[in-house]
N, C-alpha and C. Protein backbone atom coordinates (compact mmCIF):
# COMPACT_ATOMS: atom_id res chain seq x y z
N UNK A 1 95.25 111.32 100.33
CA UNK A 1 95.65 111.02 101.72
C UNK A 1 94.49 111.31 102.66
N UNK A 2 94.16 110.39 103.57
CA UNK A 2 93.06 110.63 104.50
C UNK A 2 93.27 111.89 105.32
N UNK A 3 92.14 112.48 105.76
CA UNK A 3 92.21 113.74 106.51
C UNK A 3 93.02 113.59 107.80
N UNK A 4 92.88 112.44 108.49
CA UNK A 4 93.62 112.25 109.73
C UNK A 4 95.12 112.21 109.47
N UNK A 5 95.53 111.55 108.40
CA UNK A 5 96.95 111.47 108.07
C UNK A 5 97.50 112.86 107.75
N UNK A 6 96.72 113.66 107.05
CA UNK A 6 97.14 115.03 106.75
C UNK A 6 97.29 115.84 108.03
N UNK A 7 96.30 115.70 108.94
CA UNK A 7 96.37 116.42 110.21
C UNK A 7 97.61 116.04 111.00
N UNK A 8 97.89 114.74 111.08
CA UNK A 8 99.06 114.28 111.82
C UNK A 8 100.34 114.80 111.20
N UNK A 9 100.41 114.81 109.88
CA UNK A 9 101.61 115.29 109.20
C UNK A 9 101.83 116.78 109.46
N UNK A 10 100.77 117.56 109.34
CA UNK A 10 100.87 119.00 109.57
C UNK A 10 101.30 119.29 111.01
N UNK A 11 100.69 118.60 111.97
CA UNK A 11 101.02 118.81 113.38
C UNK A 11 102.45 118.37 113.69
N UNK A 12 102.89 117.29 113.06
CA UNK A 12 104.26 116.81 113.28
C UNK A 12 105.28 117.84 112.80
N UNK A 13 105.05 118.39 111.63
CA UNK A 13 105.98 119.39 111.09
C UNK A 13 105.92 120.68 111.92
N UNK A 14 104.71 121.05 112.35
CA UNK A 14 104.58 122.25 113.19
C UNK A 14 105.29 122.07 114.52
N UNK A 15 105.12 120.89 115.13
CA UNK A 15 105.78 120.62 116.39
C UNK A 15 107.29 120.64 116.26
N UNK A 16 107.80 120.04 115.18
CA UNK A 16 109.25 120.04 114.95
C UNK A 16 109.77 121.47 114.80
N UNK A 17 109.03 122.30 114.07
CA UNK A 17 109.47 123.68 113.85
C UNK A 17 109.48 124.48 115.14
N UNK A 18 108.43 124.33 115.97
CA UNK A 18 108.37 125.11 117.20
C UNK A 18 109.41 124.64 118.22
N UNK A 19 109.61 123.34 118.32
CA UNK A 19 110.64 122.85 119.23
C UNK A 19 112.04 123.22 118.73
N UNK A 20 112.25 123.20 117.42
CA UNK A 20 113.53 123.64 116.88
C UNK A 20 113.78 125.11 117.22
N UNK A 21 112.73 125.91 117.13
CA UNK A 21 112.87 127.33 117.47
C UNK A 21 113.22 127.51 118.94
N UNK A 22 112.57 126.73 119.82
CA UNK A 22 112.87 126.87 121.24
C UNK A 22 114.30 126.44 121.54
N UNK A 23 114.77 125.38 120.85
CA UNK A 23 116.16 124.96 121.03
C UNK A 23 117.13 126.02 120.55
N UNK A 24 116.84 126.61 119.40
CA UNK A 24 117.72 127.64 118.85
C UNK A 24 117.75 128.88 119.74
N UNK A 25 116.63 129.19 120.38
CA UNK A 25 116.60 130.34 121.28
C UNK A 25 117.48 130.10 122.50
N UNK A 26 117.53 128.86 122.99
CA UNK A 26 118.46 128.55 124.08
C UNK A 26 119.89 128.70 123.59
N UNK A 27 120.15 128.23 122.36
CA UNK A 27 121.49 128.37 121.78
C UNK A 27 121.89 129.84 121.68
N UNK A 28 120.92 130.71 121.38
CA UNK A 28 121.24 132.14 121.29
C UNK A 28 121.61 132.71 122.66
N UNK A 29 120.96 132.22 123.70
CA UNK A 29 121.29 132.68 125.06
C UNK A 29 122.69 132.22 125.45
N UNK A 30 123.12 131.08 124.90
CA UNK A 30 124.46 130.55 125.20
C UNK A 30 125.50 131.05 124.20
N UNK A 31 125.10 131.89 123.25
CA UNK A 31 126.00 132.51 122.27
C UNK A 31 126.77 131.46 121.47
N UNK A 32 126.06 130.48 120.95
CA UNK A 32 126.67 129.42 120.15
C UNK A 32 126.86 129.86 118.71
N UNK A 33 127.66 129.06 117.95
CA UNK A 33 127.83 129.32 116.53
C UNK A 33 126.71 128.62 115.76
N UNK A 34 126.62 128.81 114.42
CA UNK A 34 125.52 128.20 113.65
C UNK A 34 125.41 126.69 113.81
N UNK A 35 126.54 125.99 113.89
CA UNK A 35 126.49 124.54 114.07
C UNK A 35 125.84 124.20 115.41
N UNK A 36 126.20 124.94 116.44
CA UNK A 36 125.58 124.72 117.74
C UNK A 36 124.08 124.97 117.70
N UNK A 37 123.67 126.01 117.00
CA UNK A 37 122.24 126.29 116.85
C UNK A 37 121.52 125.10 116.23
N UNK A 38 122.08 124.56 115.15
CA UNK A 38 121.43 123.45 114.45
C UNK A 38 121.38 122.21 115.33
N UNK A 39 122.47 121.90 116.02
CA UNK A 39 122.51 120.71 116.86
C UNK A 39 121.52 120.80 118.02
N UNK A 40 121.45 121.95 118.67
CA UNK A 40 120.54 122.11 119.79
C UNK A 40 119.09 122.11 119.30
N UNK A 41 118.84 122.73 118.16
CA UNK A 41 117.49 122.74 117.59
C UNK A 41 117.05 121.32 117.25
N UNK A 42 117.92 120.54 116.63
CA UNK A 42 117.58 119.16 116.25
C UNK A 42 117.39 118.29 117.48
N UNK A 43 118.22 118.47 118.49
CA UNK A 43 118.09 117.71 119.73
C UNK A 43 116.73 117.96 120.37
N UNK A 44 116.32 119.23 120.40
CA UNK A 44 115.03 119.58 121.00
C UNK A 44 113.87 119.03 120.19
N UNK A 45 113.97 119.14 118.87
CA UNK A 45 112.87 118.73 118.00
C UNK A 45 112.69 117.23 117.94
N UNK A 46 113.79 116.46 118.01
CA UNK A 46 113.70 115.02 117.75
C UNK A 46 114.09 114.13 118.94
N UNK A 47 114.58 114.73 120.03
CA UNK A 47 115.03 113.92 121.15
C UNK A 47 113.94 113.07 121.77
N UNK A 48 112.79 113.68 122.04
CA UNK A 48 111.70 112.94 122.67
C UNK A 48 111.14 111.86 121.76
N UNK A 49 110.97 112.19 120.48
CA UNK A 49 110.45 111.21 119.54
C UNK A 49 111.40 110.05 119.33
N UNK A 50 112.69 110.31 119.40
CA UNK A 50 113.68 109.24 119.26
C UNK A 50 113.57 108.25 120.41
N UNK A 51 113.47 108.77 121.64
CA UNK A 51 113.31 107.89 122.81
C UNK A 51 112.02 107.08 122.68
N UNK A 52 110.94 107.71 122.27
CA UNK A 52 109.66 107.00 122.10
C UNK A 52 109.78 105.87 121.10
N UNK A 53 110.36 106.16 119.93
CA UNK A 53 110.46 105.14 118.88
C UNK A 53 111.35 103.98 119.30
N UNK A 54 112.43 104.27 120.01
CA UNK A 54 113.31 103.20 120.48
C UNK A 54 112.58 102.30 121.49
N UNK A 55 111.80 102.91 122.38
CA UNK A 55 111.06 102.12 123.36
C UNK A 55 109.96 101.29 122.69
N UNK A 56 109.39 101.81 121.61
CA UNK A 56 108.35 101.07 120.89
C UNK A 56 108.94 100.03 119.95
N UNK A 57 110.27 100.06 119.76
CA UNK A 57 110.92 99.09 118.89
C UNK A 57 110.62 99.30 117.42
N UNK A 58 110.44 100.55 117.02
CA UNK A 58 110.16 100.83 115.62
C UNK A 58 111.24 101.77 115.08
N UNK A 59 111.36 101.90 113.75
CA UNK A 59 112.37 102.81 113.19
C UNK A 59 112.17 104.24 113.69
N UNK A 60 113.27 104.92 113.94
CA UNK A 60 113.20 106.31 114.39
C UNK A 60 112.62 107.16 113.26
N UNK A 61 111.52 107.84 113.55
CA UNK A 61 110.71 108.49 112.51
C UNK A 61 111.49 109.52 111.70
N UNK A 62 112.27 110.39 112.39
CA UNK A 62 112.90 111.49 111.65
C UNK A 62 114.01 111.01 110.72
N UNK A 63 114.56 109.81 110.95
CA UNK A 63 115.59 109.30 110.05
C UNK A 63 115.03 108.98 108.67
N UNK A 64 113.74 108.73 108.60
CA UNK A 64 113.11 108.47 107.32
C UNK A 64 112.47 109.68 106.71
N UNK A 65 112.63 110.84 107.34
CA UNK A 65 112.02 112.08 106.83
C UNK A 65 113.07 113.18 106.84
N UNK A 66 113.97 113.18 105.85
CA UNK A 66 115.03 114.19 105.85
C UNK A 66 114.51 115.62 105.78
N UNK A 67 113.31 115.78 105.25
CA UNK A 67 112.74 117.12 105.19
C UNK A 67 112.55 117.73 106.56
N UNK A 68 112.23 116.90 107.55
CA UNK A 68 112.07 117.40 108.92
C UNK A 68 113.40 117.91 109.47
N UNK A 69 114.47 117.19 109.16
CA UNK A 69 115.80 117.62 109.61
C UNK A 69 116.17 118.93 108.95
N UNK A 70 115.88 119.05 107.66
CA UNK A 70 116.16 120.30 106.94
C UNK A 70 115.35 121.44 107.53
N UNK A 71 114.08 121.18 107.87
CA UNK A 71 113.25 122.21 108.48
C UNK A 71 113.85 122.69 109.79
N UNK A 72 114.27 121.76 110.64
CA UNK A 72 114.86 122.14 111.92
C UNK A 72 116.12 122.97 111.72
N UNK A 73 116.93 122.59 110.73
CA UNK A 73 118.16 123.34 110.45
C UNK A 73 117.85 124.75 109.95
N UNK A 74 116.86 124.87 109.08
CA UNK A 74 116.50 126.19 108.55
C UNK A 74 115.93 127.08 109.65
N UNK A 75 115.11 126.51 110.52
CA UNK A 75 114.57 127.29 111.63
C UNK A 75 115.71 127.75 112.54
N UNK A 76 116.67 126.85 112.81
CA UNK A 76 117.80 127.21 113.67
C UNK A 76 118.60 128.36 113.07
N UNK A 77 118.86 128.30 111.76
CA UNK A 77 119.63 129.36 111.11
C UNK A 77 118.84 130.66 111.05
N UNK A 78 117.53 130.55 110.89
CA UNK A 78 116.70 131.76 110.90
C UNK A 78 116.79 132.45 112.26
N UNK A 79 116.72 131.66 113.32
CA UNK A 79 116.85 132.23 114.68
C UNK A 79 118.25 132.80 114.89
N UNK A 80 119.27 132.14 114.33
CA UNK A 80 120.64 132.64 114.48
C UNK A 80 120.78 134.07 113.94
N UNK A 81 120.11 134.33 112.82
CA UNK A 81 120.24 135.65 112.19
C UNK A 81 119.22 136.68 112.70
N UNK A 82 118.21 136.23 113.45
CA UNK A 82 117.15 137.17 113.85
C UNK A 82 116.94 137.27 115.35
N UNK A 83 117.54 136.38 116.15
CA UNK A 83 117.26 136.36 117.59
C UNK A 83 117.61 137.69 118.26
N UNK A 84 118.61 138.38 117.76
CA UNK A 84 119.03 139.63 118.39
C UNK A 84 117.97 140.72 118.27
N UNK A 85 117.02 140.53 117.37
CA UNK A 85 115.95 141.52 117.18
C UNK A 85 114.81 141.32 118.18
N UNK A 86 114.81 140.19 118.88
CA UNK A 86 113.73 139.88 119.82
C UNK A 86 114.15 140.33 121.21
N UNK A 87 113.38 141.23 121.82
CA UNK A 87 113.76 141.79 123.11
C UNK A 87 113.56 140.78 124.24
N UNK A 88 112.46 140.02 124.20
CA UNK A 88 112.15 139.10 125.29
C UNK A 88 112.29 137.67 124.78
N UNK A 89 113.52 137.26 124.57
CA UNK A 89 113.76 135.94 123.99
C UNK A 89 113.35 134.81 124.92
N UNK A 90 113.52 135.01 126.24
CA UNK A 90 113.18 133.93 127.15
C UNK A 90 111.67 133.69 127.17
N UNK A 91 110.89 134.77 127.11
CA UNK A 91 109.43 134.62 127.05
C UNK A 91 109.02 133.90 125.77
N UNK A 92 109.64 134.28 124.65
CA UNK A 92 109.35 133.61 123.38
C UNK A 92 109.73 132.14 123.45
N UNK A 93 110.86 131.85 124.09
CA UNK A 93 111.29 130.45 124.26
C UNK A 93 110.23 129.65 125.00
N UNK A 94 109.71 130.20 126.09
CA UNK A 94 108.72 129.48 126.90
C UNK A 94 107.44 129.21 126.11
N UNK A 95 107.00 130.19 125.31
CA UNK A 95 105.76 130.00 124.56
C UNK A 95 105.96 129.05 123.38
N UNK A 96 107.10 129.13 122.71
CA UNK A 96 107.39 128.17 121.64
C UNK A 96 107.47 126.76 122.20
N UNK A 97 108.07 126.64 123.36
CA UNK A 97 108.19 125.34 124.01
C UNK A 97 106.82 124.81 124.41
N UNK A 98 105.93 125.70 124.84
CA UNK A 98 104.58 125.29 125.22
C UNK A 98 103.81 124.73 124.03
N UNK A 99 103.94 125.37 122.88
CA UNK A 99 103.27 124.87 121.67
C UNK A 99 103.81 123.50 121.28
N UNK A 100 105.14 123.39 121.24
CA UNK A 100 105.75 122.11 120.88
C UNK A 100 105.37 121.01 121.86
N UNK A 101 105.35 121.33 123.15
CA UNK A 101 104.97 120.35 124.16
C UNK A 101 103.56 119.83 123.94
N UNK A 102 102.62 120.75 123.69
CA UNK A 102 101.23 120.34 123.51
C UNK A 102 101.07 119.45 122.28
N UNK A 103 101.76 119.81 121.20
CA UNK A 103 101.67 119.02 119.97
C UNK A 103 102.26 117.63 120.16
N UNK A 104 103.45 117.55 120.71
CA UNK A 104 104.14 116.27 120.80
C UNK A 104 103.59 115.37 121.90
N UNK A 105 102.96 115.95 122.93
CA UNK A 105 102.36 115.11 123.97
C UNK A 105 101.30 114.20 123.37
N UNK A 106 100.47 114.78 122.51
CA UNK A 106 99.39 113.99 121.91
C UNK A 106 99.89 113.17 120.73
N UNK A 107 100.79 113.72 119.92
CA UNK A 107 101.33 112.95 118.81
C UNK A 107 102.09 111.72 119.32
N UNK A 108 102.79 111.88 120.44
CA UNK A 108 103.50 110.74 121.01
C UNK A 108 102.54 109.67 121.49
N UNK A 109 101.46 110.09 122.15
CA UNK A 109 100.46 109.12 122.62
C UNK A 109 99.76 108.46 121.43
N UNK A 110 99.49 109.22 120.40
CA UNK A 110 98.83 108.66 119.22
C UNK A 110 99.71 107.61 118.54
N UNK A 111 101.01 107.91 118.43
CA UNK A 111 101.94 106.97 117.83
C UNK A 111 102.02 105.69 118.66
N UNK A 112 101.98 105.83 119.98
CA UNK A 112 102.04 104.65 120.85
C UNK A 112 100.80 103.79 120.69
N UNK A 113 99.63 104.41 120.65
CA UNK A 113 98.40 103.64 120.45
C UNK A 113 98.40 102.93 119.10
N UNK A 114 98.91 103.62 118.08
CA UNK A 114 98.96 103.03 116.74
C UNK A 114 99.86 101.80 116.71
N UNK A 115 100.86 101.75 117.62
CA UNK A 115 101.75 100.60 117.70
C UNK A 115 101.22 99.52 118.63
N UNK A 116 100.02 99.72 119.19
CA UNK A 116 99.42 98.71 120.04
C UNK A 116 99.74 98.85 121.51
N UNK A 117 100.28 99.98 121.95
CA UNK A 117 100.60 100.18 123.36
C UNK A 117 99.32 100.30 124.17
N UNK A 118 99.39 99.94 125.44
CA UNK A 118 98.24 100.07 126.33
C UNK A 118 97.98 101.55 126.61
N UNK A 119 96.77 101.90 127.07
CA UNK A 119 96.47 103.31 127.33
C UNK A 119 97.45 103.99 128.28
N UNK A 120 97.81 103.32 129.41
CA UNK A 120 98.72 103.98 130.37
C UNK A 120 100.10 104.17 129.75
N UNK A 121 100.56 103.19 128.94
CA UNK A 121 101.86 103.34 128.29
C UNK A 121 101.82 104.46 127.26
N UNK A 122 100.69 104.61 126.56
CA UNK A 122 100.56 105.68 125.57
C UNK A 122 100.65 107.05 126.23
N UNK A 123 100.03 107.18 127.40
CA UNK A 123 100.10 108.45 128.13
C UNK A 123 101.54 108.75 128.54
N UNK A 124 102.22 107.74 129.07
CA UNK A 124 103.61 107.91 129.50
C UNK A 124 104.51 108.26 128.32
N UNK A 125 104.34 107.57 127.20
CA UNK A 125 105.17 107.83 126.03
C UNK A 125 104.84 109.19 125.42
N UNK A 126 103.59 109.62 125.52
CA UNK A 126 103.25 110.97 125.06
C UNK A 126 103.95 112.03 125.87
N UNK A 127 103.97 111.85 127.19
CA UNK A 127 104.68 112.80 128.06
C UNK A 127 106.17 112.79 127.76
N UNK A 128 106.74 111.62 127.53
CA UNK A 128 108.16 111.53 127.23
C UNK A 128 108.49 112.20 125.90
N UNK A 129 107.64 111.98 124.90
CA UNK A 129 107.86 112.61 123.60
C UNK A 129 107.88 114.13 123.72
N UNK A 130 107.01 114.65 124.59
CA UNK A 130 106.87 116.10 124.74
C UNK A 130 107.98 116.73 125.56
N UNK A 131 108.61 115.96 126.44
CA UNK A 131 109.51 116.58 127.42
C UNK A 131 110.98 116.20 127.28
N UNK A 132 111.28 115.03 126.72
CA UNK A 132 112.66 114.57 126.73
C UNK A 132 113.57 115.38 125.81
N UNK A 133 113.06 115.87 124.70
CA UNK A 133 113.88 116.71 123.82
C UNK A 133 114.32 117.98 124.52
N UNK A 134 113.38 118.63 125.21
CA UNK A 134 113.72 119.83 125.96
C UNK A 134 114.66 119.54 127.11
N UNK A 135 114.48 118.38 127.75
CA UNK A 135 115.36 118.01 128.85
C UNK A 135 116.80 117.81 128.35
N UNK A 136 116.94 117.12 127.21
CA UNK A 136 118.27 116.95 126.62
C UNK A 136 118.89 118.29 126.25
N UNK A 137 118.08 119.17 125.68
CA UNK A 137 118.56 120.52 125.32
C UNK A 137 119.10 121.24 126.53
N UNK A 138 118.34 121.23 127.63
CA UNK A 138 118.75 121.97 128.81
C UNK A 138 119.99 121.36 129.47
N UNK A 139 120.07 120.03 129.48
CA UNK A 139 121.25 119.38 130.05
C UNK A 139 122.50 119.73 129.25
N UNK A 140 122.40 119.65 127.93
CA UNK A 140 123.55 119.98 127.08
C UNK A 140 123.97 121.44 127.28
N UNK A 141 122.98 122.31 127.46
CA UNK A 141 123.28 123.74 127.60
C UNK A 141 123.54 124.16 129.03
N UNK A 142 123.60 123.19 129.95
CA UNK A 142 123.94 123.50 131.33
C UNK A 142 122.87 124.23 132.11
N UNK A 143 121.59 123.93 131.82
CA UNK A 143 120.49 124.55 132.54
C UNK A 143 119.64 123.48 133.21
N UNK A 144 118.94 123.85 134.28
CA UNK A 144 118.03 122.92 134.93
C UNK A 144 116.86 122.65 134.00
N UNK A 145 116.62 121.40 133.62
CA UNK A 145 115.53 121.10 132.68
C UNK A 145 114.18 121.56 133.22
N UNK A 146 113.32 122.02 132.30
CA UNK A 146 111.99 122.47 132.69
C UNK A 146 111.22 121.36 133.40
N UNK A 147 111.43 120.13 132.98
CA UNK A 147 110.69 119.01 133.55
C UNK A 147 111.02 118.80 135.02
N UNK A 148 112.18 119.31 135.49
CA UNK A 148 112.58 119.15 136.88
C UNK A 148 112.26 120.37 137.73
N UNK A 149 111.76 121.42 137.11
CA UNK A 149 111.40 122.60 137.89
C UNK A 149 110.01 122.43 138.46
N UNK A 150 109.65 123.32 139.41
CA UNK A 150 108.33 123.21 140.02
C UNK A 150 107.24 123.77 139.11
N UNK A 151 107.63 124.34 137.97
CA UNK A 151 106.64 124.83 137.01
C UNK A 151 105.78 123.67 136.51
N UNK A 152 104.54 123.98 136.13
CA UNK A 152 103.66 122.96 135.56
C UNK A 152 104.03 122.79 134.09
N UNK A 153 104.67 121.67 133.78
CA UNK A 153 105.14 121.40 132.42
C UNK A 153 104.85 119.95 132.04
N UNK A 154 105.54 119.01 132.70
CA UNK A 154 105.27 117.60 132.43
C UNK A 154 103.83 117.25 132.78
N UNK A 155 103.28 117.90 133.82
CA UNK A 155 101.89 117.65 134.20
C UNK A 155 100.95 118.04 133.08
N UNK A 156 101.23 119.16 132.42
CA UNK A 156 100.39 119.59 131.30
C UNK A 156 100.47 118.60 130.14
N UNK A 157 101.67 118.11 129.86
CA UNK A 157 101.84 117.13 128.80
C UNK A 157 101.08 115.85 129.12
N UNK A 158 101.18 115.38 130.36
CA UNK A 158 100.49 114.16 130.76
C UNK A 158 98.98 114.33 130.69
N UNK A 159 98.49 115.50 131.08
CA UNK A 159 97.05 115.75 131.04
C UNK A 159 96.53 115.74 129.61
N UNK A 160 97.26 116.38 128.70
CA UNK A 160 96.84 116.39 127.31
C UNK A 160 96.84 115.00 126.70
N UNK A 161 97.90 114.23 126.98
CA UNK A 161 97.98 112.86 126.48
C UNK A 161 96.87 112.01 127.06
N UNK A 162 96.58 112.19 128.35
CA UNK A 162 95.55 111.39 129.02
C UNK A 162 94.17 111.70 128.44
N UNK A 163 93.88 112.97 128.19
CA UNK A 163 92.58 113.32 127.61
C UNK A 163 92.43 112.72 126.22
N UNK A 164 93.49 112.80 125.42
CA UNK A 164 93.43 112.21 124.08
C UNK A 164 93.16 110.70 124.16
N UNK A 165 93.89 110.01 125.03
CA UNK A 165 93.71 108.56 125.17
C UNK A 165 92.31 108.24 125.65
N UNK A 166 91.82 109.00 126.66
CA UNK A 166 90.49 108.73 127.21
C UNK A 166 89.41 108.94 126.15
N UNK A 167 89.51 110.01 125.39
CA UNK A 167 88.51 110.28 124.35
C UNK A 167 88.58 109.24 123.24
N UNK A 168 89.79 108.82 122.91
CA UNK A 168 89.94 107.79 121.88
C UNK A 168 89.32 106.47 122.34
N UNK A 169 89.60 106.10 123.61
CA UNK A 169 89.03 104.87 124.15
C UNK A 169 87.51 104.94 124.24
N UNK A 170 86.98 106.16 124.41
CA UNK A 170 85.53 106.33 124.49
C UNK A 170 84.87 106.31 123.12
N UNK A 171 85.67 106.28 122.06
CA UNK A 171 85.11 106.18 120.72
C UNK A 171 84.99 107.48 119.96
N UNK A 172 85.54 108.58 120.51
CA UNK A 172 85.48 109.85 119.79
C UNK A 172 86.36 109.79 118.55
N UNK A 173 85.94 110.50 117.52
CA UNK A 173 86.72 110.57 116.28
C UNK A 173 88.14 111.02 116.60
N UNK A 174 89.14 110.35 116.01
CA UNK A 174 90.53 110.52 116.42
C UNK A 174 91.03 111.95 116.22
N UNK A 175 90.66 112.57 115.12
CA UNK A 175 91.10 113.93 114.88
C UNK A 175 90.61 114.89 115.95
N UNK A 176 89.35 114.74 116.36
CA UNK A 176 88.80 115.60 117.41
C UNK A 176 89.49 115.33 118.74
N UNK A 177 89.79 114.06 119.03
CA UNK A 177 90.48 113.71 120.27
C UNK A 177 91.88 114.32 120.29
N UNK A 178 92.56 114.31 119.15
CA UNK A 178 93.90 114.90 119.06
C UNK A 178 93.85 116.39 119.37
N UNK A 179 92.93 117.10 118.75
CA UNK A 179 92.84 118.54 118.96
C UNK A 179 92.44 118.87 120.40
N UNK A 180 91.56 118.06 120.98
CA UNK A 180 91.15 118.29 122.37
C UNK A 180 92.33 118.10 123.32
N UNK A 181 93.08 117.03 123.12
CA UNK A 181 94.23 116.79 123.98
C UNK A 181 95.28 117.88 123.88
N UNK A 182 95.56 118.31 122.66
CA UNK A 182 96.53 119.40 122.47
C UNK A 182 96.04 120.68 123.11
N UNK A 183 94.73 120.96 122.94
CA UNK A 183 94.17 122.17 123.52
C UNK A 183 94.30 122.20 125.04
N UNK A 184 94.04 121.04 125.68
CA UNK A 184 94.15 120.98 127.13
C UNK A 184 95.59 121.16 127.59
N UNK A 185 96.52 120.46 126.94
CA UNK A 185 97.92 120.58 127.33
C UNK A 185 98.41 122.02 127.20
N UNK A 186 98.08 122.67 126.09
CA UNK A 186 98.52 124.05 125.90
C UNK A 186 97.83 124.99 126.89
N UNK A 187 96.54 124.77 127.14
CA UNK A 187 95.81 125.65 128.05
C UNK A 187 96.39 125.60 129.45
N UNK A 188 96.72 124.39 129.92
CA UNK A 188 97.30 124.26 131.27
C UNK A 188 98.66 124.95 131.33
N UNK A 189 99.50 124.71 130.33
CA UNK A 189 100.82 125.34 130.33
C UNK A 189 100.72 126.85 130.18
N UNK A 190 99.81 127.32 129.33
CA UNK A 190 99.63 128.76 129.14
C UNK A 190 99.15 129.42 130.42
N UNK A 191 98.22 128.78 131.12
CA UNK A 191 97.73 129.33 132.38
C UNK A 191 98.86 129.38 133.42
N UNK A 192 99.70 128.34 133.42
CA UNK A 192 100.83 128.33 134.36
C UNK A 192 101.80 129.46 134.07
N UNK A 193 102.05 129.73 132.79
CA UNK A 193 102.94 130.83 132.42
C UNK A 193 102.30 132.18 132.73
N UNK A 194 101.00 132.28 132.47
CA UNK A 194 100.32 133.56 132.65
C UNK A 194 100.17 133.93 134.12
N UNK A 195 99.80 132.95 134.95
CA UNK A 195 99.49 133.25 136.35
C UNK A 195 100.49 132.66 137.34
N UNK A 196 101.57 132.11 136.82
CA UNK A 196 102.62 131.62 137.69
C UNK A 196 102.25 130.38 138.49
N UNK A 197 101.38 129.54 137.94
CA UNK A 197 101.02 128.31 138.63
C UNK A 197 102.24 127.39 138.75
N UNK A 198 102.31 126.67 139.83
CA UNK A 198 103.38 125.70 140.00
C UNK A 198 102.93 124.64 140.99
N UNK A 199 103.58 123.50 140.93
CA UNK A 199 103.33 122.45 141.91
C UNK A 199 104.07 122.78 143.20
N UNK A 200 103.58 122.31 144.34
CA UNK A 200 104.29 122.60 145.60
C UNK A 200 105.67 121.96 145.59
N UNK A 201 106.65 122.72 146.01
CA UNK A 201 108.03 122.22 146.07
C UNK A 201 108.34 121.72 147.48
N UNK A 202 109.28 120.82 147.56
CA UNK A 202 109.70 120.29 148.86
C UNK A 202 110.38 121.38 149.67
N UNK A 203 109.99 121.50 150.93
CA UNK A 203 110.61 122.46 151.84
C UNK A 203 111.43 121.69 152.87
N UNK A 204 112.70 122.03 153.02
CA UNK A 204 113.52 121.29 153.99
C UNK A 204 113.02 121.51 155.41
N UNK A 205 113.10 120.46 156.20
CA UNK A 205 112.68 120.52 157.60
C UNK A 205 113.84 120.06 158.48
N UNK A 206 113.87 120.53 159.72
CA UNK A 206 114.94 120.06 160.64
C UNK A 206 114.85 118.56 160.82
N UNK A 207 116.00 117.92 160.89
CA UNK A 207 116.03 116.48 161.11
C UNK A 207 115.52 116.10 162.49
N UNK A 208 114.99 114.90 162.60
CA UNK A 208 114.48 114.43 163.89
C UNK A 208 115.60 113.79 164.70
N UNK A 209 115.55 114.00 166.01
CA UNK A 209 116.52 113.35 166.90
C UNK A 209 115.95 112.01 167.35
N UNK A 210 116.70 110.96 167.13
CA UNK A 210 116.27 109.63 167.54
C UNK A 210 117.03 109.23 168.81
N UNK A 211 116.33 108.69 169.81
CA UNK A 211 117.03 108.30 171.05
C UNK A 211 117.98 107.14 170.80
N UNK A 212 119.04 107.16 171.49
CA UNK A 212 120.02 106.05 171.38
C UNK A 212 119.56 104.90 172.27
N UNK A 213 119.44 103.73 171.69
CA UNK A 213 119.04 102.56 172.45
C UNK A 213 120.28 101.75 172.80
N UNK A 214 120.35 101.26 174.02
CA UNK A 214 121.53 100.45 174.42
C UNK A 214 121.57 99.15 173.64
């Protein structure tokens, strides 16, 4: 198997495992049963990729890889039995989510380019791959999705996907472009978590009075 194919496979499985863990950690905060853990973990791990594949008009990737589903289930059950031992579960959730986001932002863009998508569409689909699974998880669990908060999250995913696409279009070796894009996405998200970076939020202002015209 070519080195690039091996790299993509390893990163795909790693991304699925980390996103499954972040989903299961949310399930632990909601005190779900084992079935709930597995469902939320799978939704987080595969939700974004499913949307990407449907938009690209290709078979949904995880349906042809039952091992990935088994991995997500095993990770969910592992968290079910061990989450109570972790004192700062929310912090762990954020960092696991950051890793999964960085991996899937670039993997999503790479998959889009491989299907012949334009550079701008590849960037958009990379961001969607990285964020839609977490958004579905949060909606199901009754929480405000990370993508809608003022935290830097979707921006980090878009930046990583954009760097990967730009380097690929410039002719850089694909494996190096993948690692560079992932590194940038994770670095931006990690810096936001570490130093509390956020985008400016809308501040309400008093409404304007308009004169009445006869």
